[in-house]
Amino acid sequence: MLVTMMIVMVMGNILIQTEAQTIPFKENYPACLIMCKSQSKFPKYLLCPFTCTKTCLRQSSLQSFSSYKIDNSEYFCKLGCATHHCVSLSSLQNPNVERVSACVDSCSNKCTKEN
């Protein structure tokens, strides 16, 4: 729990510092995995791909929200799609950033078309 709170706090600080400048998923994801693994112990660090997908998806989606108004249905659609299809493409030993990023982008396209 403490590790999750620290990740959220660090990501929140990054978000505040950038003031509406979003960090692309592809750039944020590997750094998040490294931080998550270094702050977690086995077996908790096995959740890092999911935790980072969720955290980075939220940050990369901020650019599509007007005035920080969050469209929850679109976000949860993307999160569900990314969790189901993309998390399994990544591991701590092989983050596979390109494939995960492409998968997350395809989820964004699917969810935008459905909503």
C-alpha atoms as a PDB file:
ATOM      1  CA  MET A   1       0.000   0.000   0.000  1.00  0.00           C
ATOM      2  CA  LEU A   2       2.809   2.360   0.877  1.00  0.00           C
ATOM      3  CA  VAL A   3       4.515   1.724  -2.457  1.00  0.00           C
ATOM      4  CA  THR A   4       1.323   2.471  -4.369  1.00  0.00           C
ATOM      5  CA  MET A   5       0.833   5.695  -2.451  1.00  0.00           C
ATOM      6  CA  MET A   6       4.426   6.728  -3.158  1.00  0.00           C
ATOM      7  CA  ILE A   7       4.032   6.017  -6.880  1.00  0.00           C
ATOM      8  CA  VAL A   8       0.831   8.049  -6.969  1.00  0.00           C
ATOM      9  CA  MET A   9       2.509  10.891  -5.073  1.00  0.00           C
ATOM     10  CA  VAL A  10       5.535  10.931  -7.390  1.00  0.00           C
ATOM     11  CA  MET A  11       3.345  10.785 -10.470  1.00  0.00           C
ATOM     12  CA  GLY A  12       1.169  13.542  -8.973  1.00  0.00           C
ATOM     13  CA  ASN A  13       4.231  15.701  -8.424  1.00  0.00           C
ATOM     14  CA  ILE A  14       5.310  15.148 -12.011  1.00  0.00           C
ATOM     15  CA  LEU A  15       1.824  16.053 -13.151  1.00  0.00           C
ATOM     16  CA  ILE A  16       1.746  19.243 -11.084  1.00  0.00           C
ATOM     17  CA  GLN A  17       5.205  20.262 -12.266  1.00  0.00           C
ATOM     18  CA  THR A  18       4.290  19.834 -15.910  1.00  0.00           C
ATOM     19  CA  GLU A  19       1.013  21.775 -15.524  1.00  0.00           C
ATOM     20  CA  ALA A  20      -1.077  20.234 -18.258  1.00  0.00           C
ATOM     21  CA  GLN A  21       1.929  19.033 -20.222  1.00  0.00           C
ATOM     22  CA  THR A  22       1.311  15.350 -20.518  1.00  0.00           C
ATOM     23  CA  ILE A  23       4.016  12.736 -20.670  1.00  0.00           C
ATOM     24  CA  PRO A  24       3.434  10.280 -23.515  1.00  0.00           C
ATOM     25  CA  PHE A  25       2.684   6.735 -22.411  1.00  0.00           C
ATOM     26  CA  LYS A  26       5.709   5.400 -24.282  1.00  0.00           C
ATOM     27  CA  GLU A  27       8.087   7.638 -22.303  1.00  0.00           C
ATOM     28  CA  ASN A  28       6.413   7.344 -18.912  1.00  0.00           C
ATOM     29  CA  TYR A  29       5.848   3.567 -18.819  1.00  0.00           C
ATOM     30  CA  PRO A  30       9.485   2.318 -18.629  1.00  0.00           C
ATOM     31  CA  ALA A  31      10.383   4.852 -15.927  1.00  0.00           C
ATOM     32  CA  CYS A  32       7.331   3.831 -13.926  1.00  0.00           C
ATOM     33  CA  LEU A  33       8.287   0.145 -14.172  1.00  0.00           C
ATOM     34  CA  ILE A  34      11.799   0.864 -12.899  1.00  0.00           C
ATOM     35  CA  MET A  35      10.502   2.942  -9.999  1.00  0.00           C
ATOM     36  CA  CYS A  36       7.801   0.431  -9.125  1.00  0.00           C
ATOM     37  CA  LYS A  37      10.198  -2.519  -9.115  1.00  0.00           C
ATOM     38  CA  SER A  38      12.769  -0.687  -7.011  1.00  0.00           C
ATOM     39  CA  GLN A  39      10.154   0.217  -4.399  1.00  0.00           C
ATOM     40  CA  SER A  40       8.385  -3.154  -4.268  1.00  0.00           C
ATOM     41  CA  LYS A  41       9.294  -6.581  -2.993  1.00  0.00           C
ATOM     42  CA  PHE A  42       8.314  -9.976  -4.318  1.00  0.00           C
ATOM     43  CA  PRO A  43       5.480 -10.833  -4.963  1.00  0.00           C
ATOM     44  CA  LYS A  44       4.107  -7.283  -5.018  1.00  0.00           C
ATOM     45  CA  TYR A  45       6.395  -6.134  -7.828  1.00  0.00           C
ATOM     46  CA  LEU A  46       4.672  -8.611 -10.137  1.00  0.00           C
ATOM     47  CA  LEU A  47       1.794  -6.114 -10.245  1.00  0.00           C
ATOM     48  CA  CYS A  48       4.041  -3.341 -11.603  1.00  0.00           C
ATOM     49  CA  PRO A  49       3.021  -3.771 -15.278  1.00  0.00           C
ATOM     50  CA  PHE A  50      -0.648  -3.350 -14.310  1.00  0.00           C
ATOM     51  CA  THR A  51       0.035  -0.511 -11.863  1.00  0.00           C
ATOM     52  CA  CYS A  52       2.115   1.401 -14.409  1.00  0.00           C
ATOM     53  CA  THR A  53      -0.346   0.815 -17.239  1.00  0.00           C
ATOM     54  CA  LYS A  54      -3.105   2.273 -15.075  1.00  0.00           C
ATOM     55  CA  THR A  55      -0.989   5.211 -13.874  1.00  0.00           C
ATOM     56  CA  CYS A  56       0.470   6.070 -17.279  1.00  0.00           C
ATOM     57  CA  LEU A  57      -2.831   5.660 -19.082  1.00  0.00           C
ATOM     58  CA  ARG A  58      -4.387   8.197 -16.740  1.00  0.00           C
ATOM     59  CA  GLN A  59      -1.543  10.664 -17.358  1.00  0.00           C
ATOM     60  CA  SER A  60      -1.444  10.213 -21.113  1.00  0.00           C
ATOM     61  CA  SER A  61      -5.226  10.648 -21.266  1.00  0.00           C
ATOM     62  CA  LEU A  62      -5.182  14.048 -19.586  1.00  0.00           C
ATOM     63  CA  GLN A  63      -4.485  15.769 -22.890  1.00  0.00           C
ATOM     64  CA  SER A  64      -7.860  14.644 -24.211  1.00  0.00           C
ATOM     65  CA  PHE A  65      -9.794  16.044 -21.271  1.00  0.00           C
ATOM     66  CA  SER A  66     -11.019  19.597 -21.554  1.00  0.00           C
ATOM     67  CA  SER A  67     -10.534  21.684 -18.418  1.00  0.00           C
ATOM     68  CA  TYR A  68      -9.568  18.551 -16.477  1.00  0.00           C
ATOM     69  CA  LYS A  69     -13.088  17.197 -16.821  1.00  0.00           C
ATOM     70  CA  ILE A  70     -12.657  13.450 -16.924  1.00  0.00           C
ATOM     71  CA  ASP A  71     -14.867  11.319 -19.126  1.00  0.00           C
ATOM     72  CA  ASN A  72     -14.962   8.276 -16.877  1.00  0.00           C
ATOM     73  CA  SER A  73     -16.600   5.957 -19.394  1.00  0.00           C
ATOM     74  CA  GLU A  74     -13.829   6.519 -21.947  1.00  0.00           C
ATOM     75  CA  TYR A  75     -11.076   6.197 -19.326  1.00  0.00           C
ATOM     76  CA  PHE A  76     -12.505   2.961 -17.914  1.00  0.00           C
ATOM     77  CA  CYS A  77     -12.991   1.590 -21.412  1.00  0.00           C
ATOM     78  CA  LYS A  78      -9.312   2.265 -22.136  1.00  0.00           C
ATOM     79  CA  LEU A  79      -8.247   0.852 -18.773  1.00  0.00           C
ATOM     80  CA  GLY A  80     -10.273  -2.327 -19.269  1.00  0.00           C
ATOM     81  CA  CYS A  81      -9.000  -2.808 -22.800  1.00  0.00           C
ATOM     82  CA  ALA A  82      -5.374  -2.117 -21.794  1.00  0.00           C
ATOM     83  CA  THR A  83      -5.616  -4.430 -18.789  1.00  0.00           C
ATOM     84  CA  HIS A  84      -7.124  -7.248 -20.833  1.00  0.00           C
ATOM     85  CA  HIS A  85      -4.985  -6.947 -23.959  1.00  0.00           C
ATOM     86  CA  CYS A  86      -1.784  -5.057 -23.126  1.00  0.00           C
ATOM     87  CA  VAL A  87      -0.536  -5.849 -19.607  1.00  0.00           C
ATOM     88  CA  SER A  88       0.344  -9.421 -20.547  1.00  0.00           C
ATOM     89  CA  LEU A  89       2.719  -8.114 -23.249  1.00  0.00           C
ATOM     90  CA  SER A  90       5.019  -6.663 -20.594  1.00  0.00           C
ATOM     91  CA  SER A  91       7.142  -8.024 -17.786  1.00  0.00           C
ATOM     92  CA  LEU A  92       9.778  -6.512 -15.544  1.00  0.00           C
ATOM     93  CA  GLN A  93      12.488  -8.352 -17.462  1.00  0.00           C
ATOM     94  CA  ASN A  94      11.083  -7.337 -20.861  1.00  0.00           C
ATOM     95  CA  PRO A  95       8.966  -4.163 -20.660  1.00  0.00           C
ATOM     96  CA  ASN A  96       8.213  -4.390 -24.409  1.00  0.00           C
ATOM     97  CA  VAL A  97       7.396  -0.682 -24.443  1.00  0.00           C
ATOM     98  CA  GLU A  98       6.756  -0.416 -28.183  1.00  0.00           C
ATOM     99  CA  ARG A  99       4.198  -3.241 -28.254  1.00  0.00           C
ATOM    100  CA  VAL A 100       2.462  -2.102 -25.057  1.00  0.00           C
ATOM    101  CA  SER A 101       2.294   1.475 -26.307  1.00  0.00           C
ATOM    102  CA  ALA A 102       0.856   0.387 -29.665  1.00  0.00           C
ATOM    103  CA  CYS A 103      -1.662  -1.816 -27.852  1.00  0.00           C
ATOM    104  CA  VAL A 104      -2.727   1.041 -25.546  1.00  0.00           C
ATOM    105  CA  ASP A 105      -3.089   3.337 -28.571  1.00  0.00           C
ATOM    106  CA  SER A 106      -5.322   0.774 -30.271  1.00  0.00           C
ATOM    107  CA  CYS A 107      -7.454   0.689 -27.109  1.00  0.00           C
ATOM    108  CA  SER A 108      -7.764   4.462 -27.271  1.00  0.00           C
ATOM    109  CA  ASN A 109      -8.976   4.182 -30.855  1.00  0.00           C
ATOM    110  CA  LYS A 110     -11.464   1.411 -30.002  1.00  0.00           C
ATOM    111  CA  CYS A 111     -12.895   3.289 -27.036  1.00  0.00           C
ATOM    112  CA  THR A 112     -13.156   6.582 -28.898  1.00  0.00           C
ATOM    113  CA  LYS A 113     -15.142   4.881 -31.680  1.00  0.00           C
ATOM    114  CA  GLU A 114     -17.465   3.153 -29.190  1.00  0.00           C
ATOM    115  CA  ASN A 115     -18.273   6.306 -27.200  1.00  0.00           C
END
